[in-house]
Amino acid sequence: MRDYRPAIVGFFRRSALARDADDLAQEFLLRSMEEQWWSRADRNVGSFRRFLGVLLRRFLGQQSDLGYRRNEITNADALEAIDGATPETHFDVEFALCLAGTTLTDLRIEYEREGRGELFDALQAWITETPEYGALAELGARLQVAPNTLAVQLKRLRMRFQRAMRTALVQLNMDADSAELELAALRSALLSGGANVCR
């Protein structure tokens, strides 16, 4: 769950209890472990992201009802984005970024194990972006690799990243078909939030 802490904090930062986002995230994680909330996850009901979102909304509702720490809650405490981002939409973007970050870290370890960590580091920035004209030739000269070979390696890296994202989603209590739908939802969240990691 620590991998998704930024998404959890981000959810609370867009709520009426924004001032206490870090404390709320910590309390949420502690209670979730103490009370074994994760044992309720059911792959037949929906995705892990949706399950986590439900837990967050319930927890936030409880804290708001209690008047968290006896602080008066005002609309001014919320960090609502000008574009109307809600805690839920912000959570979706942060969740996708956390998942992509974890996937990239795992992929980097695989490349390092294969003795190609330097190649991964060189190509990682282009997983979701097109290299500028001449960038592959410049990198090829530095690594002493033909630009065409680098182009093929970049294509393979992108494919491995996409497969790794799907695998990560399947591991989060989903079947392959559900993982595809979840990936599409996360891609949509990232695009609407101005990011493009899962493209």
C-alpha atoms as a PDB file:
ATOM      1  CA  MET A   1       0.000   0.000   0.000  1.00  0.00           C
ATOM      2  CA  ARG A   2       2.919   2.361   0.520  1.00  0.00           C
ATOM      3  CA  ASP A   3       3.303   2.527  -3.257  1.00  0.00           C
ATOM      4  CA  TYR A   4      -0.087   4.244  -3.446  1.00  0.00           C
ATOM      5  CA  ARG A   5       0.395   6.652  -0.527  1.00  0.00           C
ATOM      6  CA  PRO A   6       0.819   9.683  -2.848  1.00  0.00           C
ATOM      7  CA  ALA A   7      -2.585   8.909  -4.380  1.00  0.00           C
ATOM      8  CA  ILE A   8      -4.142   8.605  -0.927  1.00  0.00           C
ATOM      9  CA  VAL A   9      -2.602  11.890   0.238  1.00  0.00           C
ATOM     10  CA  GLY A  10      -3.688  13.514  -3.033  1.00  0.00           C
ATOM     11  CA  PHE A  11      -7.274  12.422  -2.410  1.00  0.00           C
ATOM     12  CA  PHE A  12      -7.328  14.058   1.012  1.00  0.00           C
ATOM     13  CA  ARG A  13      -5.604  17.205  -0.292  1.00  0.00           C
ATOM     14  CA  ARG A  14      -8.565  17.809  -2.599  1.00  0.00           C
ATOM     15  CA  SER A  15     -11.080  17.382   0.222  1.00  0.00           C
ATOM     16  CA  ALA A  16     -12.519  19.708   2.847  1.00  0.00           C
ATOM     17  CA  LEU A  17      -9.926  18.293   5.268  1.00  0.00           C
ATOM     18  CA  ALA A  18      -6.969  19.289   3.091  1.00  0.00           C
ATOM     19  CA  ARG A  19      -5.059  20.803   6.027  1.00  0.00           C
ATOM     20  CA  ASP A  20      -4.699  17.356   7.579  1.00  0.00           C
ATOM     21  CA  ALA A  21      -4.071  15.350   4.401  1.00  0.00           C
ATOM     22  CA  ASP A  22      -0.812  13.747   5.550  1.00  0.00           C
ATOM     23  CA  ASP A  23      -2.200  12.856   8.975  1.00  0.00           C
ATOM     24  CA  LEU A  24      -5.388  11.479   7.446  1.00  0.00           C
ATOM     25  CA  ALA A  25      -3.412   9.346   5.000  1.00  0.00           C
ATOM     26  CA  GLN A  26      -1.319   7.938   7.837  1.00  0.00           C
ATOM     27  CA  GLU A  27      -4.386   7.204   9.965  1.00  0.00           C
ATOM     28  CA  PHE A  28      -6.159   5.653   6.972  1.00  0.00           C
ATOM     29  CA  LEU A  29      -3.244   3.315   6.291  1.00  0.00           C
ATOM     30  CA  LEU A  30      -2.877   2.337   9.952  1.00  0.00           C
ATOM     31  CA  ARG A  31      -6.574   1.620  10.391  1.00  0.00           C
ATOM     32  CA  SER A  32      -6.749  -0.260   7.115  1.00  0.00           C
ATOM     33  CA  MET A  33      -4.040  -2.628   8.350  1.00  0.00           C
ATOM     34  CA  GLU A  34      -5.330  -2.904  11.914  1.00  0.00           C
ATOM     35  CA  GLU A  35      -8.890  -3.616  10.795  1.00  0.00           C
ATOM     36  CA  GLN A  36      -7.823  -5.692   7.762  1.00  0.00           C
ATOM     37  CA  TRP A  37      -9.861  -3.701   5.249  1.00  0.00           C
ATOM     38  CA  TRP A  38      -7.839  -5.223   2.395  1.00  0.00           C
ATOM     39  CA  SER A  39      -9.240  -8.684   3.141  1.00  0.00           C
ATOM     40  CA  ARG A  40     -12.610  -7.413   1.862  1.00  0.00           C
ATOM     41  CA  ALA A  41     -11.306  -6.843  -1.666  1.00  0.00           C
ATOM     42  CA  ASP A  42     -13.158  -9.041  -4.137  1.00  0.00           C
ATOM     43  CA  ARG A  43     -11.954  -9.367  -7.717  1.00  0.00           C
ATOM     44  CA  ASN A  44     -15.462 -10.306  -8.804  1.00  0.00           C
ATOM     45  CA  VAL A  45     -16.843  -6.969  -7.613  1.00  0.00           C
ATOM     46  CA  GLY A  46     -14.409  -4.530  -9.226  1.00  0.00           C
ATOM     47  CA  SER A  47     -10.920  -3.130  -9.511  1.00  0.00           C
ATOM     48  CA  PHE A  48      -8.534  -2.443  -6.664  1.00  0.00           C
ATOM     49  CA  ARG A  49      -8.578   1.270  -7.567  1.00  0.00           C
ATOM     50  CA  ARG A  50     -12.356   1.414  -7.177  1.00  0.00           C
ATOM     51  CA  PHE A  51     -12.199  -0.571  -3.932  1.00  0.00           C
ATOM     52  CA  LEU A  52      -9.568   1.814  -2.565  1.00  0.00           C
ATOM     53  CA  GLY A  53     -11.635   4.781  -3.728  1.00  0.00           C
ATOM     54  CA  VAL A  54     -14.685   3.488  -1.828  1.00  0.00           C
ATOM     55  CA  LEU A  55     -12.604   3.006   1.324  1.00  0.00           C
ATOM     56  CA  LEU A  56     -11.221   6.538   1.016  1.00  0.00           C
ATOM     57  CA  ARG A  57     -14.662   8.112   0.533  1.00  0.00           C
ATOM     58  CA  ARG A  58     -16.068   6.226   3.523  1.00  0.00           C
ATOM     59  CA  PHE A  59     -13.120   7.153   5.709  1.00  0.00           C
ATOM     60  CA  LEU A  60     -13.320  10.803   4.644  1.00  0.00           C
ATOM     61  CA  GLY A  61     -17.049  10.842   5.365  1.00  0.00           C
ATOM     62  CA  GLN A  62     -16.455   9.438   8.848  1.00  0.00           C
ATOM     63  CA  GLN A  63     -13.751  11.989   9.582  1.00  0.00           C
ATOM     64  CA  SER A  64     -15.882  14.846   8.260  1.00  0.00           C
ATOM     65  CA  ASP A  65     -18.841  13.692  10.395  1.00  0.00           C
ATOM     66  CA  LEU A  66     -16.616  13.639  13.449  1.00  0.00           C
ATOM     67  CA  GLY A  67     -15.354  17.166  12.715  1.00  0.00           C
ATOM     68  CA  TYR A  68     -11.829  15.843  12.401  1.00  0.00           C
ATOM     69  CA  ARG A  69      -9.736  17.052  15.327  1.00  0.00           C
ATOM     70  CA  ARG A  70     -12.575  19.400  16.248  1.00  0.00           C
ATOM     71  CA  ASN A  71     -11.488  21.800  13.531  1.00  0.00           C
ATOM     72  CA  GLU A  72     -14.270  23.663  11.820  1.00  0.00           C
ATOM     73  CA  ILE A  73     -14.450  22.525   8.207  1.00  0.00           C
ATOM     74  CA  THR A  74     -14.855  25.259   5.632  1.00  0.00           C
ATOM     75  CA  ASN A  75     -14.895  25.271   1.868  1.00  0.00           C
ATOM     76  CA  ALA A  76     -11.710  27.335   2.006  1.00  0.00           C
ATOM     77  CA  ASP A  77      -9.848  24.308   3.350  1.00  0.00           C
ATOM     78  CA  ALA A  78     -10.363  22.330   0.156  1.00  0.00           C
ATOM     79  CA  LEU A  79      -7.774  22.519  -2.573  1.00  0.00           C
ATOM     80  CA  GLU A  80     -10.234  22.176  -5.413  1.00  0.00           C
ATOM     81  CA  ALA A  81      -8.471  22.785  -8.702  1.00  0.00           C
ATOM     82  CA  ILE A  82      -9.673  25.603 -10.923  1.00  0.00           C
ATOM     83  CA  ASP A  83     -10.604  23.057 -13.562  1.00  0.00           C
ATOM     84  CA  GLY A  84     -13.021  21.433 -11.113  1.00  0.00           C
ATOM     85  CA  ALA A  85     -10.908  18.428 -10.150  1.00  0.00           C
ATOM     86  CA  THR A  86     -12.560  16.471  -7.348  1.00  0.00           C
ATOM     87  CA  PRO A  87     -10.848  14.284  -4.761  1.00  0.00           C
ATOM     88  CA  GLU A  88     -11.908  11.275  -6.862  1.00  0.00           C
ATOM     89  CA  THR A  89     -10.492  12.551 -10.170  1.00  0.00           C
ATOM     90  CA  HIS A  90      -7.286  13.670  -8.498  1.00  0.00           C
ATOM     91  CA  PHE A  91      -7.004  10.253  -6.843  1.00  0.00           C
ATOM     92  CA  ASP A  92      -7.405   8.511 -10.214  1.00  0.00           C
ATOM     93  CA  VAL A  93      -4.556  10.555 -11.720  1.00  0.00           C
ATOM     94  CA  GLU A  94      -2.292   9.979  -8.723  1.00  0.00           C
ATOM     95  CA  PHE A  95      -3.149   6.270  -8.636  1.00  0.00           C
ATOM     96  CA  ALA A  96      -2.192   5.931 -12.306  1.00  0.00           C
ATOM     97  CA  LEU A  97       1.080   7.784 -11.712  1.00  0.00           C
ATOM     98  CA  CYS A  98       1.889   5.576  -8.711  1.00  0.00           C
ATOM     99  CA  LEU A  99       1.160   2.428 -10.709  1.00  0.00           C
ATOM    100  CA  ALA A 100       3.278   3.652 -13.612  1.00  0.00           C
ATOM    101  CA  GLY A 101       6.113   4.620 -11.263  1.00  0.00           C
ATOM    102  CA  THR A 102       6.122   1.203  -9.615  1.00  0.00           C
ATOM    103  CA  THR A 103       5.986  -0.485 -13.020  1.00  0.00           C
ATOM    104  CA  LEU A 104       8.923   1.569 -14.290  1.00  0.00           C
ATOM    105  CA  THR A 105      10.954   0.728 -11.182  1.00  0.00           C
ATOM    106  CA  ASP A 106      10.312  -2.991 -11.691  1.00  0.00           C
ATOM    107  CA  LEU A 107      11.131  -2.709 -15.384  1.00  0.00           C
ATOM    108  CA  ARG A 108      14.377  -0.890 -14.571  1.00  0.00           C
ATOM    109  CA  ILE A 109      15.358  -3.787 -12.295  1.00  0.00           C
ATOM    110  CA  GLU A 110      14.660  -6.254 -15.123  1.00  0.00           C
ATOM    111  CA  TYR A 111      16.831  -4.278 -17.536  1.00  0.00           C
ATOM    112  CA  GLU A 112      19.595  -4.019 -14.941  1.00  0.00           C
ATOM    113  CA  ARG A 113      19.439  -7.775 -14.437  1.00  0.00           C
ATOM    114  CA  GLU A 114      19.835  -8.188 -18.205  1.00  0.00           C
ATOM    115  CA  GLY A 115      22.888  -5.913 -18.144  1.00  0.00           C
ATOM    116  CA  ARG A 116      21.009  -3.156 -20.003  1.00  0.00           C
ATOM    117  CA  GLY A 117      20.313  -0.662 -17.232  1.00  0.00           C
ATOM    118  CA  GLU A 118      22.118   2.111 -19.121  1.00  0.00           C
ATOM    119  CA  LEU A 119      19.914   1.522 -22.162  1.00  0.00           C
ATOM    120  CA  PHE A 120      16.772   1.708 -20.019  1.00  0.00           C
ATOM    121  CA  ASP A 121      17.916   4.961 -18.429  1.00  0.00           C
ATOM    122  CA  ALA A 122      18.661   6.432 -21.838  1.00  0.00           C
ATOM    123  CA  LEU A 123      15.301   5.471 -23.377  1.00  0.00           C
ATOM    124  CA  GLN A 124      12.972   5.846 -20.380  1.00  0.00           C
ATOM    125  CA  ALA A 125      12.074   9.487 -21.104  1.00  0.00           C
ATOM    126  CA  TRP A 126      10.692   8.450 -24.509  1.00  0.00           C
ATOM    127  CA  ILE A 127       8.350   5.717 -23.299  1.00  0.00           C
ATOM    128  CA  THR A 128       5.430   8.120 -23.753  1.00  0.00           C
ATOM    129  CA  GLU A 129       6.978  10.795 -25.934  1.00  0.00           C
ATOM    130  CA  THR A 130       8.426  10.887 -29.431  1.00  0.00           C
ATOM    131  CA  PRO A 131      12.160  11.676 -29.482  1.00  0.00           C
ATOM    132  CA  GLU A 132      13.037  14.986 -31.084  1.00  0.00           C
ATOM    133  CA  TYR A 133      14.592  14.866 -34.521  1.00  0.00           C
ATOM    134  CA  GLY A 134      18.204  13.679 -34.264  1.00  0.00           C
ATOM    135  CA  ALA A 135      17.923  12.642 -30.600  1.00  0.00           C
ATOM    136  CA  LEU A 136      18.278   8.922 -31.335  1.00  0.00           C
ATOM    137  CA  ALA A 137      21.298   9.575 -33.564  1.00  0.00           C
ATOM    138  CA  GLU A 138      22.888  11.646 -30.792  1.00  0.00           C
ATOM    139  CA  LEU A 139      22.194   8.963 -28.203  1.00  0.00           C
ATOM    140  CA  GLY A 140      23.416   6.263 -30.597  1.00  0.00           C
ATOM    141  CA  ALA A 141      26.738   8.065 -31.026  1.00  0.00           C
ATOM    142  CA  ARG A 142      27.122   8.309 -27.265  1.00  0.00           C
ATOM    143  CA  LEU A 143      26.238   4.637 -26.655  1.00  0.00           C
ATOM    144  CA  GLN A 144      27.925   3.437 -29.856  1.00  0.00           C
ATOM    145  CA  VAL A 145      24.665   1.901 -31.067  1.00  0.00           C
ATOM    146  CA  ALA A 146      23.033   2.440 -34.462  1.00  0.00           C
ATOM    147  CA  PRO A 147      19.989   4.801 -34.300  1.00  0.00           C
ATOM    148  CA  ASN A 148      17.814   2.164 -36.023  1.00  0.00           C
ATOM    149  CA  THR A 149      18.740  -0.325 -33.312  1.00  0.00           C
ATOM    150  CA  LEU A 150      17.793   2.225 -30.653  1.00  0.00           C
ATOM    151  CA  ALA A 151      14.446   2.805 -32.372  1.00  0.00           C
ATOM    152  CA  VAL A 152      13.744  -0.937 -32.211  1.00  0.00           C
ATOM    153  CA  GLN A 153      14.834  -1.054 -28.559  1.00  0.00           C
ATOM    154  CA  LEU A 154      12.536   1.889 -27.738  1.00  0.00           C
ATOM    155  CA  LYS A 155       9.600   0.125 -29.382  1.00  0.00           C
ATOM    156  CA  ARG A 156      10.329  -3.014 -27.355  1.00  0.00           C
ATOM    157  CA  LEU A 157      10.639  -0.992 -24.148  1.00  0.00           C
ATOM    158  CA  ARG A 158       7.242   0.604 -24.784  1.00  0.00           C
ATOM    159  CA  MET A 159       5.693  -2.806 -25.396  1.00  0.00           C
ATOM    160  CA  ARG A 160       7.260  -4.220 -22.223  1.00  0.00           C
ATOM    161  CA  PHE A 161       5.991  -1.238 -20.242  1.00  0.00           C
ATOM    162  CA  GLN A 162       2.442  -1.716 -21.528  1.00  0.00           C
ATOM    163  CA  ARG A 163       2.566  -5.450 -20.751  1.00  0.00           C
ATOM    164  CA  ALA A 164       3.954  -4.721 -17.283  1.00  0.00           C
ATOM    165  CA  MET A 165       1.149  -2.227 -16.606  1.00  0.00           C
ATOM    166  CA  ARG A 166      -1.457  -4.803 -17.630  1.00  0.00           C
ATOM    167  CA  THR A 167       0.214  -7.448 -15.469  1.00  0.00           C
ATOM    168  CA  ALA A 168       0.260  -5.071 -12.498  1.00  0.00           C
ATOM    169  CA  LEU A 169      -3.448  -4.390 -12.954  1.00  0.00           C
ATOM    170  CA  VAL A 170      -4.252  -8.110 -13.182  1.00  0.00           C
ATOM    171  CA  GLN A 171      -2.353  -8.614  -9.917  1.00  0.00           C
ATOM    172  CA  LEU A 172      -4.569  -5.964  -8.306  1.00  0.00           C
ATOM    173  CA  ASN A 173      -7.491  -8.402  -8.121  1.00  0.00           C
ATOM    174  CA  MET A 174      -8.616  -8.307 -11.755  1.00  0.00           C
ATOM    175  CA  ASP A 175      -8.861 -10.592 -14.717  1.00  0.00           C
ATOM    176  CA  ALA A 176      -7.286  -9.675 -18.059  1.00  0.00           C
ATOM    177  CA  ASP A 177     -10.473  -8.161 -19.524  1.00  0.00           C
ATOM    178  CA  SER A 178     -11.045  -6.002 -16.457  1.00  0.00           C
ATOM    179  CA  ALA A 179      -7.398  -4.939 -16.556  1.00  0.00           C
ATOM    180  CA  GLU A 180      -7.902  -3.615 -20.095  1.00  0.00           C
ATOM    181  CA  LEU A 181     -10.917  -1.572 -18.974  1.00  0.00           C
ATOM    182  CA  GLU A 182      -9.003  -0.300 -15.953  1.00  0.00           C
ATOM    183  CA  LEU A 183      -6.024   0.652 -18.106  1.00  0.00           C
ATOM    184  CA  ALA A 184      -8.338   2.623 -20.398  1.00  0.00           C
ATOM    185  CA  ALA A 185      -9.863   4.393 -17.372  1.00  0.00           C
ATOM    186  CA  LEU A 186      -6.436   5.272 -15.995  1.00  0.00           C
ATOM    187  CA  ARG A 187      -5.269   6.479 -19.412  1.00  0.00           C
ATOM    188  CA  SER A 188      -8.345   8.713 -19.594  1.00  0.00           C
ATOM    189  CA  ALA A 189      -7.679  10.055 -16.079  1.00  0.00           C
ATOM    190  CA  LEU A 190      -4.079  10.849 -16.968  1.00  0.00           C
ATOM    191  CA  LEU A 191      -5.025  12.600 -20.195  1.00  0.00           C
ATOM    192  CA  SER A 192      -7.691  14.682 -18.465  1.00  0.00           C
ATOM    193  CA  GLY A 193      -5.180  15.513 -15.731  1.00  0.00           C
ATOM    194  CA  GLY A 194      -2.524  16.611 -18.206  1.00  0.00           C
ATOM    195  CA  ALA A 195      -0.282  13.540 -17.893  1.00  0.00           C
ATOM    196  CA  ASN A 196       0.390  10.784 -20.408  1.00  0.00           C
ATOM    197  CA  VAL A 197       2.312   8.015 -18.688  1.00  0.00           C
ATOM    198  CA  CYS A 198       0.009   5.155 -19.690  1.00  0.00           C
ATOM    199  CA  ARG A 199      -0.406   6.128 -23.336  1.00  0.00           C
END
